[in-house]
Amino acid sequence: MLDDVDDAAKLIGAVNTIVNRQGRLVGYNTDGIGFIRSLKADLGFVCTSMTRVVLLGAGGAARAAVVALAQQGVAHICIVNRTQERAQELVDRYQQAFPDTVFSSAPFDENVLSSFFEKCELIINSTSIGLSGESFNVVPWSNVSKNCVVYDMVYSPVGTPLVRDAIAAGFNACYGLGMLAAQGEEAFKLWTGKQLDGTMRNALDSYLSTL
């Protein structure tokens, strides 16, 4: 239904922002950009060619994260999903598009994941687990690399079990409110050409403080 789609949105397979460019409708996906910006703003984390990632989930949010991370040139992304076949589908989908990043898949099994957690610098939850207080219970915090940071895309005024567990174990962690705000600001820039600098995040924080 669109006249054109941005390259990143094509890779992700979803559009969340449409811009009318002189009568031509162009589709974009701002989730990945929002995620990368939030990583830096909220965790002080910058991806490098040495970064190893464990990504929990294989849905739409996972695809946005995978594309954004691979575009940053990270070394390795392990995609973890309850149904490993679905995670492997993403591996097969993106390995050819990003040959400089190594992709692998794994099930939600603490024994299988142990070696990945020992070496990773970034753990991401892209599932809805935690939204209602659920917990993964698959992260062996004592074996996780001490340099690792944790990003939970779920946003909740009271935080999530994953973030609370990570912080209690001594890790730098945050939930996804920063990503929500940053992707919205990127959409605003696409529509208006104006760059917001934290305006949406400040508004969200102000609103949540009243709850």
N, C-alpha and C. Protein backbone atom coordinates (compact mmCIF):
# COMPACT_ATOMS: atom_id res chain seq x y z
N MET A 1 0.82 -1.21 0.00
CA MET A 1 0.00 0.00 0.00
C MET A 1 0.86 1.27 0.00
N LEU A 2 2.19 1.11 0.14
CA LEU A 2 3.10 2.25 0.16
C LEU A 2 3.84 2.36 -1.17
N ASP A 3 4.32 3.56 -1.44
CA ASP A 3 5.09 3.78 -2.66
C ASP A 3 6.54 3.34 -2.49
N ASP A 4 7.05 3.42 -1.27
CA ASP A 4 8.42 3.02 -1.01
C ASP A 4 8.56 2.66 0.46
N VAL A 5 9.56 1.85 0.78
CA VAL A 5 9.82 1.45 2.16
C VAL A 5 11.32 1.56 2.42
N ASP A 6 11.67 2.15 3.54
CA ASP A 6 13.06 2.30 3.96
C ASP A 6 13.73 0.93 4.08
N ASP A 7 15.05 0.88 3.81
CA ASP A 7 15.77 -0.40 3.80
C ASP A 7 15.67 -1.12 5.14
N ALA A 8 15.81 -0.39 6.24
CA ALA A 8 15.74 -1.03 7.56
C ALA A 8 14.36 -1.62 7.80
N ALA A 9 13.31 -0.90 7.41
CA ALA A 9 11.95 -1.40 7.58
C ALA A 9 11.71 -2.66 6.75
N LYS A 10 12.32 -2.70 5.56
CA LYS A 10 12.20 -3.91 4.73
C LYS A 10 12.82 -5.10 5.44
N LEU A 11 13.99 -4.90 6.03
CA LEU A 11 14.66 -5.99 6.73
C LEU A 11 13.88 -6.43 7.97
N ILE A 12 13.31 -5.45 8.69
CA ILE A 12 12.53 -5.76 9.88
C ILE A 12 11.22 -6.44 9.51
N GLY A 13 10.66 -6.03 8.38
CA GLY A 13 9.39 -6.60 7.92
C GLY A 13 8.19 -5.90 8.49
N ALA A 14 8.37 -4.66 8.96
CA ALA A 14 7.25 -3.91 9.56
C ALA A 14 7.52 -2.41 9.44
N VAL A 15 6.44 -1.66 9.33
CA VAL A 15 6.49 -0.20 9.26
C VAL A 15 5.68 0.36 10.43
N ASN A 16 6.22 1.37 11.11
CA ASN A 16 5.44 2.03 12.16
C ASN A 16 5.30 3.53 11.94
N THR A 17 5.90 4.04 10.87
CA THR A 17 5.84 5.47 10.57
C THR A 17 5.72 5.66 9.06
N ILE A 18 4.75 6.44 8.64
CA ILE A 18 4.57 6.73 7.22
C ILE A 18 4.71 8.22 6.98
N VAL A 19 5.54 8.57 6.00
CA VAL A 19 5.80 9.97 5.67
C VAL A 19 5.31 10.26 4.26
N ASN A 20 4.56 11.33 4.12
CA ASN A 20 4.10 11.78 2.81
C ASN A 20 5.16 12.69 2.21
N ARG A 21 5.89 12.18 1.23
CA ARG A 21 6.93 12.96 0.57
C ARG A 21 6.46 13.37 -0.82
N GLN A 22 5.87 14.56 -0.87
CA GLN A 22 5.35 15.12 -2.12
C GLN A 22 4.41 14.15 -2.82
N GLY A 23 3.50 13.59 -2.04
CA GLY A 23 2.49 12.69 -2.59
C GLY A 23 2.86 11.23 -2.62
N ARG A 24 4.12 10.92 -2.30
CA ARG A 24 4.57 9.53 -2.23
C ARG A 24 4.63 9.09 -0.77
N LEU A 25 4.00 7.97 -0.46
CA LEU A 25 3.98 7.47 0.91
C LEU A 25 5.16 6.54 1.14
N VAL A 26 6.02 6.92 2.09
CA VAL A 26 7.24 6.16 2.38
C VAL A 26 7.16 5.61 3.80
N GLY A 27 7.43 4.31 3.95
CA GLY A 27 7.33 3.66 5.25
C GLY A 27 8.68 3.51 5.93
N TYR A 28 8.70 3.72 7.25
CA TYR A 28 9.90 3.59 8.05
C TYR A 28 9.59 2.76 9.30
N ASN A 29 10.62 2.28 9.94
CA ASN A 29 10.48 1.66 11.25
C ASN A 29 11.48 2.32 12.18
N THR A 30 11.00 2.99 13.20
CA THR A 30 11.88 3.76 14.10
C THR A 30 12.28 3.01 15.36
N ASP A 31 11.80 1.77 15.52
CA ASP A 31 12.08 1.02 16.75
C ASP A 31 13.57 0.77 16.96
N GLY A 32 14.25 0.37 15.89
CA GLY A 32 15.67 0.06 16.02
C GLY A 32 16.50 1.27 16.42
N ILE A 33 16.22 2.40 15.79
CA ILE A 33 16.93 3.64 16.12
C ILE A 33 16.65 4.02 17.57
N GLY A 34 15.39 3.91 17.97
CA GLY A 34 15.02 4.22 19.35
C GLY A 34 15.75 3.33 20.35
N PHE A 35 15.88 2.06 20.00
CA PHE A 35 16.56 1.11 20.86
C PHE A 35 18.04 1.46 21.04
N ILE A 36 18.73 1.72 19.94
CA ILE A 36 20.16 2.05 19.99
C ILE A 36 20.39 3.35 20.77
N ARG A 37 19.53 4.33 20.56
CA ARG A 37 19.67 5.60 21.29
C ARG A 37 19.45 5.40 22.78
N SER A 38 18.48 4.57 23.13
CA SER A 38 18.19 4.33 24.54
C SER A 38 19.33 3.56 25.21
N LEU A 39 19.94 2.62 24.49
CA LEU A 39 21.09 1.91 25.03
C LEU A 39 22.16 2.89 25.49
N LYS A 40 22.44 3.88 24.67
CA LYS A 40 23.48 4.85 25.00
C LYS A 40 23.02 5.80 26.10
N ALA A 41 21.78 6.31 25.98
CA ALA A 41 21.29 7.31 26.93
C ALA A 41 21.03 6.72 28.31
N ASP A 42 20.46 5.53 28.36
CA ASP A 42 20.02 4.95 29.63
C ASP A 42 21.05 4.03 30.28
N LEU A 43 21.92 3.42 29.46
CA LEU A 43 22.89 2.48 30.01
C LEU A 43 24.34 2.88 29.71
N GLY A 44 24.52 3.94 28.92
CA GLY A 44 25.86 4.34 28.54
C GLY A 44 26.56 3.28 27.70
N PHE A 45 25.77 2.48 26.97
CA PHE A 45 26.31 1.35 26.22
C PHE A 45 26.36 1.68 24.73
N VAL A 46 27.54 1.48 24.14
CA VAL A 46 27.74 1.69 22.71
C VAL A 46 28.20 0.38 22.08
N CYS A 47 27.50 -0.07 21.06
CA CYS A 47 27.86 -1.32 20.40
C CYS A 47 29.16 -1.16 19.62
N THR A 48 29.96 -2.22 19.60
CA THR A 48 31.20 -2.25 18.83
C THR A 48 31.27 -3.56 18.05
N SER A 49 32.34 -3.71 17.28
CA SER A 49 32.54 -4.92 16.49
C SER A 49 32.90 -6.11 17.38
N MET A 50 33.07 -5.88 18.69
CA MET A 50 33.40 -6.95 19.63
C MET A 50 32.19 -7.36 20.47
N THR A 51 31.08 -6.65 20.34
CA THR A 51 29.91 -6.88 21.20
C THR A 51 29.23 -8.21 20.91
N ARG A 52 28.97 -8.96 21.97
CA ARG A 52 28.24 -10.22 21.88
C ARG A 52 26.91 -10.05 22.61
N VAL A 53 25.82 -10.45 21.95
CA VAL A 53 24.47 -10.17 22.44
C VAL A 53 23.68 -11.46 22.62
N VAL A 54 22.93 -11.53 23.72
CA VAL A 54 21.91 -12.57 23.88
C VAL A 54 20.56 -11.87 23.83
N LEU A 55 19.76 -12.24 22.85
CA LEU A 55 18.45 -11.61 22.61
C LEU A 55 17.35 -12.60 22.92
N LEU A 56 16.52 -12.29 23.91
CA LEU A 56 15.42 -13.16 24.30
C LEU A 56 14.17 -12.79 23.51
N GLY A 57 13.66 -13.72 22.72
CA GLY A 57 12.48 -13.48 21.91
C GLY A 57 12.79 -13.46 20.43
N ALA A 58 11.76 -13.74 19.62
CA ALA A 58 11.95 -13.80 18.17
C ALA A 58 10.78 -13.17 17.42
N GLY A 59 10.10 -12.21 18.06
CA GLY A 59 8.96 -11.56 17.43
C GLY A 59 9.35 -10.27 16.74
N GLY A 60 8.36 -9.37 16.60
CA GLY A 60 8.59 -8.12 15.88
C GLY A 60 9.62 -7.23 16.53
N ALA A 61 9.57 -7.10 17.85
CA ALA A 61 10.55 -6.27 18.55
C ALA A 61 11.94 -6.86 18.41
N ALA A 62 12.04 -8.18 18.40
CA ALA A 62 13.33 -8.84 18.23
C ALA A 62 13.92 -8.52 16.86
N ARG A 63 13.09 -8.53 15.83
CA ARG A 63 13.58 -8.24 14.47
C ARG A 63 14.14 -6.82 14.40
N ALA A 64 13.46 -5.87 15.04
CA ALA A 64 13.94 -4.49 15.04
C ALA A 64 15.29 -4.40 15.75
N ALA A 65 15.42 -5.11 16.87
CA ALA A 65 16.67 -5.10 17.62
C ALA A 65 17.79 -5.75 16.82
N VAL A 66 17.51 -6.88 16.19
CA VAL A 66 18.52 -7.60 15.42
C VAL A 66 19.06 -6.72 14.30
N VAL A 67 18.17 -6.10 13.54
CA VAL A 67 18.60 -5.26 12.43
C VAL A 67 19.43 -4.08 12.93
N ALA A 68 18.97 -3.44 13.99
CA ALA A 68 19.69 -2.29 14.54
C ALA A 68 21.07 -2.69 15.04
N LEU A 69 21.15 -3.81 15.75
CA LEU A 69 22.43 -4.28 16.28
C LEU A 69 23.38 -4.68 15.16
N ALA A 70 22.86 -5.40 14.17
CA ALA A 70 23.70 -5.82 13.05
C ALA A 70 24.19 -4.62 12.25
N GLN A 71 23.36 -3.60 12.11
CA GLN A 71 23.79 -2.39 11.43
C GLN A 71 24.90 -1.68 12.19
N GLN A 72 24.95 -1.90 13.51
CA GLN A 72 26.03 -1.34 14.32
C GLN A 72 27.30 -2.20 14.24
N GLY A 73 27.20 -3.34 13.59
CA GLY A 73 28.37 -4.19 13.38
C GLY A 73 28.77 -5.05 14.55
N VAL A 74 27.80 -5.46 15.41
CA VAL A 74 28.15 -6.29 16.56
C VAL A 74 28.71 -7.63 16.09
N ALA A 75 29.46 -8.28 16.97
CA ALA A 75 30.16 -9.51 16.60
C ALA A 75 29.23 -10.72 16.52
N HIS A 76 28.34 -10.86 17.51
CA HIS A 76 27.55 -12.09 17.61
C HIS A 76 26.19 -11.79 18.24
N ILE A 77 25.14 -12.38 17.68
CA ILE A 77 23.80 -12.28 18.24
C ILE A 77 23.24 -13.69 18.40
N CYS A 78 22.97 -14.08 19.65
CA CYS A 78 22.31 -15.36 19.92
C CYS A 78 20.83 -15.07 20.17
N ILE A 79 19.96 -15.59 19.33
CA ILE A 79 18.52 -15.37 19.45
C ILE A 79 17.91 -16.55 20.20
N VAL A 80 17.27 -16.26 21.32
CA VAL A 80 16.72 -17.29 22.19
C VAL A 80 15.20 -17.24 22.13
N ASN A 81 14.57 -18.38 21.95
CA ASN A 81 13.11 -18.40 21.89
C ASN A 81 12.58 -19.73 22.42
N ARG A 82 11.37 -19.67 22.95
CA ARG A 82 10.75 -20.89 23.48
C ARG A 82 10.70 -21.96 22.39
N THR A 83 10.35 -21.55 21.17
CA THR A 83 10.41 -22.44 20.02
C THR A 83 11.67 -22.10 19.24
N GLN A 84 12.69 -22.92 19.34
CA GLN A 84 13.97 -22.58 18.73
C GLN A 84 13.87 -22.46 17.22
N GLU A 85 12.95 -23.20 16.61
CA GLU A 85 12.81 -23.13 15.16
C GLU A 85 12.49 -21.71 14.70
N ARG A 86 11.70 -21.01 15.51
CA ARG A 86 11.36 -19.63 15.15
C ARG A 86 12.58 -18.72 15.27
N ALA A 87 13.39 -18.95 16.27
CA ALA A 87 14.63 -18.19 16.40
C ALA A 87 15.56 -18.48 15.23
N GLN A 88 15.61 -19.73 14.83
CA GLN A 88 16.47 -20.11 13.70
C GLN A 88 16.01 -19.46 12.40
N GLU A 89 14.71 -19.25 12.27
CA GLU A 89 14.19 -18.55 11.08
C GLU A 89 14.79 -17.15 10.98
N LEU A 90 14.93 -16.47 12.13
CA LEU A 90 15.54 -15.14 12.10
C LEU A 90 17.03 -15.23 11.78
N VAL A 91 17.70 -16.25 12.31
CA VAL A 91 19.11 -16.46 11.98
C VAL A 91 19.27 -16.61 10.47
N ASP A 92 18.45 -17.46 9.88
CA ASP A 92 18.52 -17.69 8.44
C ASP A 92 18.16 -16.43 7.66
N ARG A 93 17.24 -15.65 8.19
CA ARG A 93 16.79 -14.43 7.52
C ARG A 93 17.89 -13.37 7.47
N TYR A 94 18.64 -13.26 8.56
CA TYR A 94 19.56 -12.12 8.67
C TYR A 94 21.04 -12.45 8.45
N GLN A 95 21.42 -13.71 8.50
CA GLN A 95 22.84 -14.02 8.33
C GLN A 95 23.36 -13.58 6.97
N GLN A 96 22.56 -13.79 5.93
CA GLN A 96 22.99 -13.39 4.59
C GLN A 96 23.04 -11.88 4.44
N ALA A 97 22.11 -11.19 5.09
CA ALA A 97 22.06 -9.72 4.98
C ALA A 97 23.20 -9.06 5.75
N PHE A 98 23.66 -9.72 6.82
CA PHE A 98 24.72 -9.14 7.66
C PHE A 98 25.84 -10.18 7.86
N PRO A 99 26.65 -10.40 6.84
CA PRO A 99 27.68 -11.45 6.91
C PRO A 99 28.77 -11.20 7.94
N ASP A 100 28.94 -9.96 8.39
CA ASP A 100 29.99 -9.65 9.36
C ASP A 100 29.57 -9.94 10.80
N THR A 101 28.29 -10.23 11.01
CA THR A 101 27.78 -10.59 12.33
C THR A 101 27.47 -12.08 12.34
N VAL A 102 27.91 -12.77 13.39
CA VAL A 102 27.62 -14.20 13.54
C VAL A 102 26.28 -14.34 14.27
N PHE A 103 25.38 -15.15 13.72
CA PHE A 103 24.08 -15.38 14.33
C PHE A 103 23.98 -16.83 14.80
N SER A 104 23.27 -17.05 15.91
CA SER A 104 22.99 -18.39 16.39
C SER A 104 21.64 -18.38 17.08
N SER A 105 21.08 -19.58 17.31
CA SER A 105 19.79 -19.68 17.99
C SER A 105 19.92 -20.66 19.14
N ALA A 106 19.02 -20.51 20.12
CA ALA A 106 19.03 -21.40 21.28
C ALA A 106 17.64 -21.42 21.91
N PRO A 107 17.31 -22.48 22.64
CA PRO A 107 16.04 -22.55 23.37
C PRO A 107 16.19 -21.91 24.75
N PHE A 108 15.06 -21.73 25.46
CA PHE A 108 15.10 -21.23 26.83
C PHE A 108 15.54 -22.37 27.76
N ASP A 109 16.82 -22.62 27.78
CA ASP A 109 17.37 -23.70 28.59
C ASP A 109 18.64 -23.18 29.26
N GLU A 110 18.63 -23.10 30.59
CA GLU A 110 19.76 -22.51 31.32
C GLU A 110 21.07 -23.22 31.01
N ASN A 111 21.04 -24.53 30.88
CA ASN A 111 22.27 -25.27 30.59
C ASN A 111 22.82 -24.95 29.22
N VAL A 112 21.93 -24.82 28.24
CA VAL A 112 22.36 -24.49 26.88
C VAL A 112 22.88 -23.07 26.81
N LEU A 113 22.23 -22.16 27.54
CA LEU A 113 22.56 -20.74 27.45
C LEU A 113 23.77 -20.34 28.28
N SER A 114 24.20 -21.18 29.18
CA SER A 114 25.26 -20.81 30.11
C SER A 114 26.49 -20.25 29.42
N SER A 115 26.95 -20.90 28.36
CA SER A 115 28.16 -20.45 27.68
C SER A 115 27.96 -19.11 26.99
N PHE A 116 26.74 -18.84 26.51
CA PHE A 116 26.45 -17.56 25.86
C PHE A 116 26.44 -16.43 26.89
N PHE A 117 25.83 -16.68 28.04
CA PHE A 117 25.76 -15.65 29.08
C PHE A 117 27.15 -15.32 29.63
N GLU A 118 28.03 -16.28 29.67
CA GLU A 118 29.37 -16.06 30.20
C GLU A 118 30.16 -15.08 29.34
N LYS A 119 29.84 -15.01 28.04
CA LYS A 119 30.65 -14.22 27.11
C LYS A 119 29.95 -12.94 26.63
N CYS A 120 28.67 -12.78 26.92
CA CYS A 120 27.94 -11.67 26.31
C CYS A 120 28.15 -10.36 27.08
N GLU A 121 28.02 -9.25 26.34
CA GLU A 121 28.09 -7.92 26.94
C GLU A 121 26.73 -7.26 27.04
N LEU A 122 25.72 -7.85 26.37
CA LEU A 122 24.39 -7.25 26.34
C LEU A 122 23.33 -8.34 26.32
N ILE A 123 22.40 -8.28 27.29
CA ILE A 123 21.24 -9.16 27.33
C ILE A 123 20.00 -8.31 27.07
N ILE A 124 19.15 -8.75 26.15
CA ILE A 124 17.96 -7.99 25.77
C ILE A 124 16.73 -8.88 25.89
N ASN A 125 15.69 -8.37 26.52
CA ASN A 125 14.39 -9.04 26.50
C ASN A 125 13.50 -8.31 25.52
N SER A 126 13.12 -9.00 24.44
CA SER A 126 12.21 -8.41 23.46
C SER A 126 10.83 -9.05 23.51
N THR A 127 10.60 -9.91 24.51
CA THR A 127 9.30 -10.55 24.67
C THR A 127 8.42 -9.71 25.60
N SER A 128 7.19 -10.17 25.80
CA SER A 128 6.29 -9.49 26.74
C SER A 128 6.42 -10.05 28.15
N ILE A 129 7.32 -11.01 28.35
CA ILE A 129 7.50 -11.59 29.68
C ILE A 129 8.01 -10.52 30.64
N GLY A 130 7.34 -10.37 31.74
CA GLY A 130 7.67 -9.34 32.71
C GLY A 130 6.62 -8.25 32.79
N LEU A 131 5.80 -8.15 31.74
CA LEU A 131 4.76 -7.12 31.71
C LEU A 131 3.77 -7.29 32.85
N SER A 132 3.49 -8.53 33.20
CA SER A 132 2.55 -8.82 34.29
C SER A 132 3.25 -9.41 35.50
N GLY A 133 4.57 -9.18 35.58
CA GLY A 133 5.32 -9.64 36.74
C GLY A 133 5.96 -11.00 36.59
N GLU A 134 5.89 -11.61 35.37
CA GLU A 134 6.51 -12.91 35.17
C GLU A 134 8.04 -12.78 35.16
N SER A 135 8.70 -13.91 35.37
CA SER A 135 10.16 -13.92 35.37
C SER A 135 10.67 -15.04 34.48
N PHE A 136 11.83 -14.82 33.85
CA PHE A 136 12.42 -15.84 32.98
C PHE A 136 13.00 -17.00 33.78
N ASN A 137 13.74 -16.67 34.82
CA ASN A 137 14.41 -17.67 35.66
C ASN A 137 15.36 -18.55 34.85
N VAL A 138 16.00 -17.98 33.83
CA VAL A 138 16.97 -18.75 33.05
C VAL A 138 18.34 -18.07 33.01
N VAL A 139 18.47 -16.92 33.66
CA VAL A 139 19.74 -16.20 33.63
C VAL A 139 20.56 -16.54 34.88
N PRO A 140 21.68 -17.24 34.70
CA PRO A 140 22.54 -17.58 35.85
C PRO A 140 23.43 -16.39 36.18
N TRP A 141 22.92 -15.47 36.97
CA TRP A 141 23.61 -14.19 37.17
C TRP A 141 25.03 -14.35 37.66
N SER A 142 25.30 -15.37 38.42
CA SER A 142 26.67 -15.56 38.94
C SER A 142 27.66 -15.90 37.83
N ASN A 143 27.15 -16.38 36.70
CA ASN A 143 28.02 -16.76 35.58
C ASN A 143 28.05 -15.72 34.46
N VAL A 144 27.24 -14.68 34.58
CA VAL A 144 27.19 -13.65 33.53
C VAL A 144 28.42 -12.77 33.62
N SER A 145 28.96 -12.39 32.45
CA SER A 145 30.12 -11.51 32.41
C SER A 145 29.86 -10.24 33.20
N LYS A 146 30.81 -9.83 34.02
CA LYS A 146 30.63 -8.66 34.88
C LYS A 146 30.50 -7.37 34.09
N ASN A 147 30.89 -7.37 32.82
CA ASN A 147 30.79 -6.18 31.98
C ASN A 147 29.45 -6.11 31.25
N CYS A 148 28.58 -7.08 31.50
CA CYS A 148 27.31 -7.16 30.77
C CYS A 148 26.31 -6.13 31.29
N VAL A 149 25.48 -5.60 30.36
CA VAL A 149 24.36 -4.75 30.73
C VAL A 149 23.07 -5.43 30.26
N VAL A 150 21.95 -5.05 30.86
CA VAL A 150 20.67 -5.71 30.59
C VAL A 150 19.64 -4.68 30.16
N TYR A 151 18.98 -4.96 29.02
CA TYR A 151 17.94 -4.05 28.52
C TYR A 151 16.65 -4.83 28.34
N ASP A 152 15.61 -4.40 29.05
CA ASP A 152 14.29 -5.02 28.95
C ASP A 152 13.38 -4.08 28.17
N MET A 153 12.94 -4.51 26.98
CA MET A 153 12.09 -3.65 26.15
C MET A 153 10.71 -3.41 26.76
N VAL A 154 10.31 -4.28 27.69
CA VAL A 154 9.05 -4.06 28.40
C VAL A 154 9.16 -2.78 29.22
N TYR A 155 8.14 -1.93 29.16
CA TYR A 155 8.17 -0.73 30.00
C TYR A 155 7.02 -0.79 31.00
N SER A 156 7.41 -0.58 32.25
CA SER A 156 6.46 -0.66 33.36
C SER A 156 6.86 0.36 34.42
N PRO A 157 5.90 1.11 34.97
CA PRO A 157 6.22 2.11 35.99
C PRO A 157 6.94 1.53 37.20
N VAL A 158 6.73 0.25 37.46
CA VAL A 158 7.35 -0.37 38.63
C VAL A 158 8.55 -1.23 38.24
N GLY A 159 8.98 -1.14 36.99
CA GLY A 159 10.10 -1.97 36.54
C GLY A 159 9.65 -3.37 36.22
N THR A 160 10.59 -4.25 35.92
CA THR A 160 10.27 -5.63 35.58
C THR A 160 11.14 -6.57 36.41
N PRO A 161 10.72 -7.83 36.59
CA PRO A 161 11.53 -8.78 37.35
C PRO A 161 12.94 -8.92 36.79
N LEU A 162 13.08 -8.92 35.46
CA LEU A 162 14.40 -9.06 34.86
C LEU A 162 15.32 -7.91 35.26
N VAL A 163 14.81 -6.69 35.19
CA VAL A 163 15.62 -5.53 35.56
C VAL A 163 15.93 -5.54 37.05
N ARG A 164 14.94 -5.84 37.87
CA ARG A 164 15.18 -5.88 39.32
C ARG A 164 16.20 -6.95 39.69
N ASP A 165 16.08 -8.13 39.05
CA ASP A 165 17.03 -9.21 39.33
C ASP A 165 18.44 -8.83 38.89
N ALA A 166 18.54 -8.18 37.74
CA ALA A 166 19.85 -7.78 37.22
C ALA A 166 20.51 -6.77 38.14
N ILE A 167 19.75 -5.78 38.56
CA ILE A 167 20.30 -4.75 39.46
C ILE A 167 20.71 -5.36 40.79
N ALA A 168 19.87 -6.26 41.31
CA ALA A 168 20.19 -6.91 42.58
C ALA A 168 21.48 -7.73 42.48
N ALA A 169 21.76 -8.23 41.26
CA ALA A 169 22.97 -9.02 41.06
C ALA A 169 24.18 -8.15 40.73
N GLY A 170 23.97 -6.83 40.69
CA GLY A 170 25.08 -5.91 40.48
C GLY A 170 25.29 -5.46 39.06
N PHE A 171 24.28 -5.66 38.18
CA PHE A 171 24.43 -5.29 36.78
C PHE A 171 23.67 -4.00 36.46
N ASN A 172 24.18 -3.26 35.50
CA ASN A 172 23.51 -2.06 35.01
C ASN A 172 22.35 -2.50 34.12
N ALA A 173 21.14 -2.04 34.42
CA ALA A 173 19.97 -2.51 33.69
C ALA A 173 18.91 -1.42 33.61
N CYS A 174 18.06 -1.50 32.58
CA CYS A 174 16.93 -0.58 32.48
C CYS A 174 15.82 -1.23 31.68
N TYR A 175 14.61 -0.66 31.81
CA TYR A 175 13.49 -1.15 31.01
C TYR A 175 13.25 -0.20 29.84
N GLY A 176 12.24 -0.49 29.00
CA GLY A 176 12.16 0.09 27.67
C GLY A 176 11.50 1.43 27.48
N LEU A 177 11.31 2.21 28.55
CA LEU A 177 10.67 3.51 28.38
C LEU A 177 11.51 4.43 27.48
N GLY A 178 12.82 4.33 27.60
CA GLY A 178 13.69 5.17 26.77
C GLY A 178 13.56 4.86 25.30
N MET A 179 13.39 3.58 24.98
CA MET A 179 13.19 3.18 23.59
C MET A 179 11.86 3.70 23.06
N LEU A 180 10.81 3.60 23.88
CA LEU A 180 9.50 4.11 23.49
C LEU A 180 9.58 5.59 23.13
N ALA A 181 10.25 6.36 23.98
CA ALA A 181 10.36 7.79 23.74
C ALA A 181 11.24 8.09 22.54
N ALA A 182 12.37 7.41 22.43
CA ALA A 182 13.31 7.70 21.35
C ALA A 182 12.77 7.34 19.98
N GLN A 183 12.02 6.25 19.89
CA GLN A 183 11.44 5.92 18.58
C GLN A 183 10.35 6.92 18.21
N GLY A 184 9.64 7.43 19.21
CA GLY A 184 8.63 8.46 18.94
C GLY A 184 9.26 9.76 18.47
N GLU A 185 10.40 10.11 19.07
CA GLU A 185 11.09 11.33 18.66
C GLU A 185 11.65 11.20 17.24
N GLU A 186 12.09 9.99 16.87
CA GLU A 186 12.57 9.78 15.51
C GLU A 186 11.43 9.90 14.51
N ALA A 187 10.25 9.38 14.86
CA ALA A 187 9.08 9.53 13.99
C ALA A 187 8.74 11.01 13.83
N PHE A 188 8.79 11.75 14.93
CA PHE A 188 8.50 13.19 14.89
C PHE A 188 9.48 13.90 13.95
N LYS A 189 10.75 13.50 13.99
CA LYS A 189 11.75 14.10 13.11
C LYS A 189 11.46 13.78 11.65
N LEU A 190 11.04 12.55 11.37
CA LEU A 190 10.71 12.19 9.99
C LEU A 190 9.52 13.00 9.48
N TRP A 191 8.55 13.26 10.34
CA TRP A 191 7.37 14.02 9.94
C TRP A 191 7.64 15.52 9.81
N THR A 192 8.45 16.07 10.71
CA THR A 192 8.58 17.54 10.78
C THR A 192 9.96 18.07 10.43
N GLY A 193 10.97 17.21 10.42
CA GLY A 193 12.34 17.67 10.21
C GLY A 193 12.97 18.26 11.46
N LYS A 194 12.24 18.24 12.56
CA LYS A 194 12.74 18.82 13.81
C LYS A 194 13.20 17.73 14.77
N GLN A 195 14.39 17.91 15.32
CA GLN A 195 14.95 16.94 16.26
C GLN A 195 14.58 17.31 17.69
N LEU A 196 13.87 16.42 18.38
CA LEU A 196 13.59 16.61 19.80
C LEU A 196 14.73 15.99 20.59
N ASP A 197 15.03 16.57 21.72
CA ASP A 197 16.14 16.08 22.54
C ASP A 197 15.65 15.77 23.95
N GLY A 198 14.99 14.62 24.07
CA GLY A 198 14.52 14.19 25.38
C GLY A 198 13.16 14.70 25.77
N THR A 199 12.50 15.43 24.88
CA THR A 199 11.20 16.02 25.22
C THR A 199 10.16 14.96 25.54
N MET A 200 10.10 13.92 24.71
CA MET A 200 9.10 12.87 24.94
C MET A 200 9.40 12.07 26.19
N ARG A 201 10.68 11.79 26.44
CA ARG A 201 11.05 11.05 27.65
C ARG A 201 10.70 11.86 28.90
N ASN A 202 10.98 13.14 28.86
CA ASN A 202 10.65 13.99 30.01
C ASN A 202 9.14 14.01 30.27
N ALA A 203 8.37 14.05 29.18
CA ALA A 203 6.91 14.04 29.32
C ALA A 203 6.42 12.72 29.91
N LEU A 204 7.00 11.61 29.45
CA LEU A 204 6.62 10.30 29.97
C LEU A 204 6.98 10.18 31.45
N ASP A 205 8.19 10.60 31.80
CA ASP A 205 8.61 10.54 33.20
C ASP A 205 7.70 11.39 34.09
N SER A 206 7.33 12.57 33.58
CA SER A 206 6.46 13.47 34.34
C SER A 206 5.10 12.83 34.56
N TYR A 207 4.57 12.19 33.51
CA TYR A 207 3.28 11.54 33.63
C TYR A 207 3.33 10.38 34.62
N LEU A 208 4.37 9.54 34.49
CA LEU A 208 4.47 8.37 35.36
C LEU A 208 4.63 8.75 36.82
N SER A 209 5.24 9.90 37.07
CA SER A 209 5.44 10.33 38.45
C SER A 209 4.12 10.68 39.14
N THR A 210 3.06 10.87 38.35
CA THR A 210 1.76 11.20 38.92
C THR A 210 0.92 9.97 39.23
N LEU A 211 1.36 8.80 38.76
CA LEU A 211 0.57 7.58 38.93
C LEU A 211 0.69 7.04 40.36
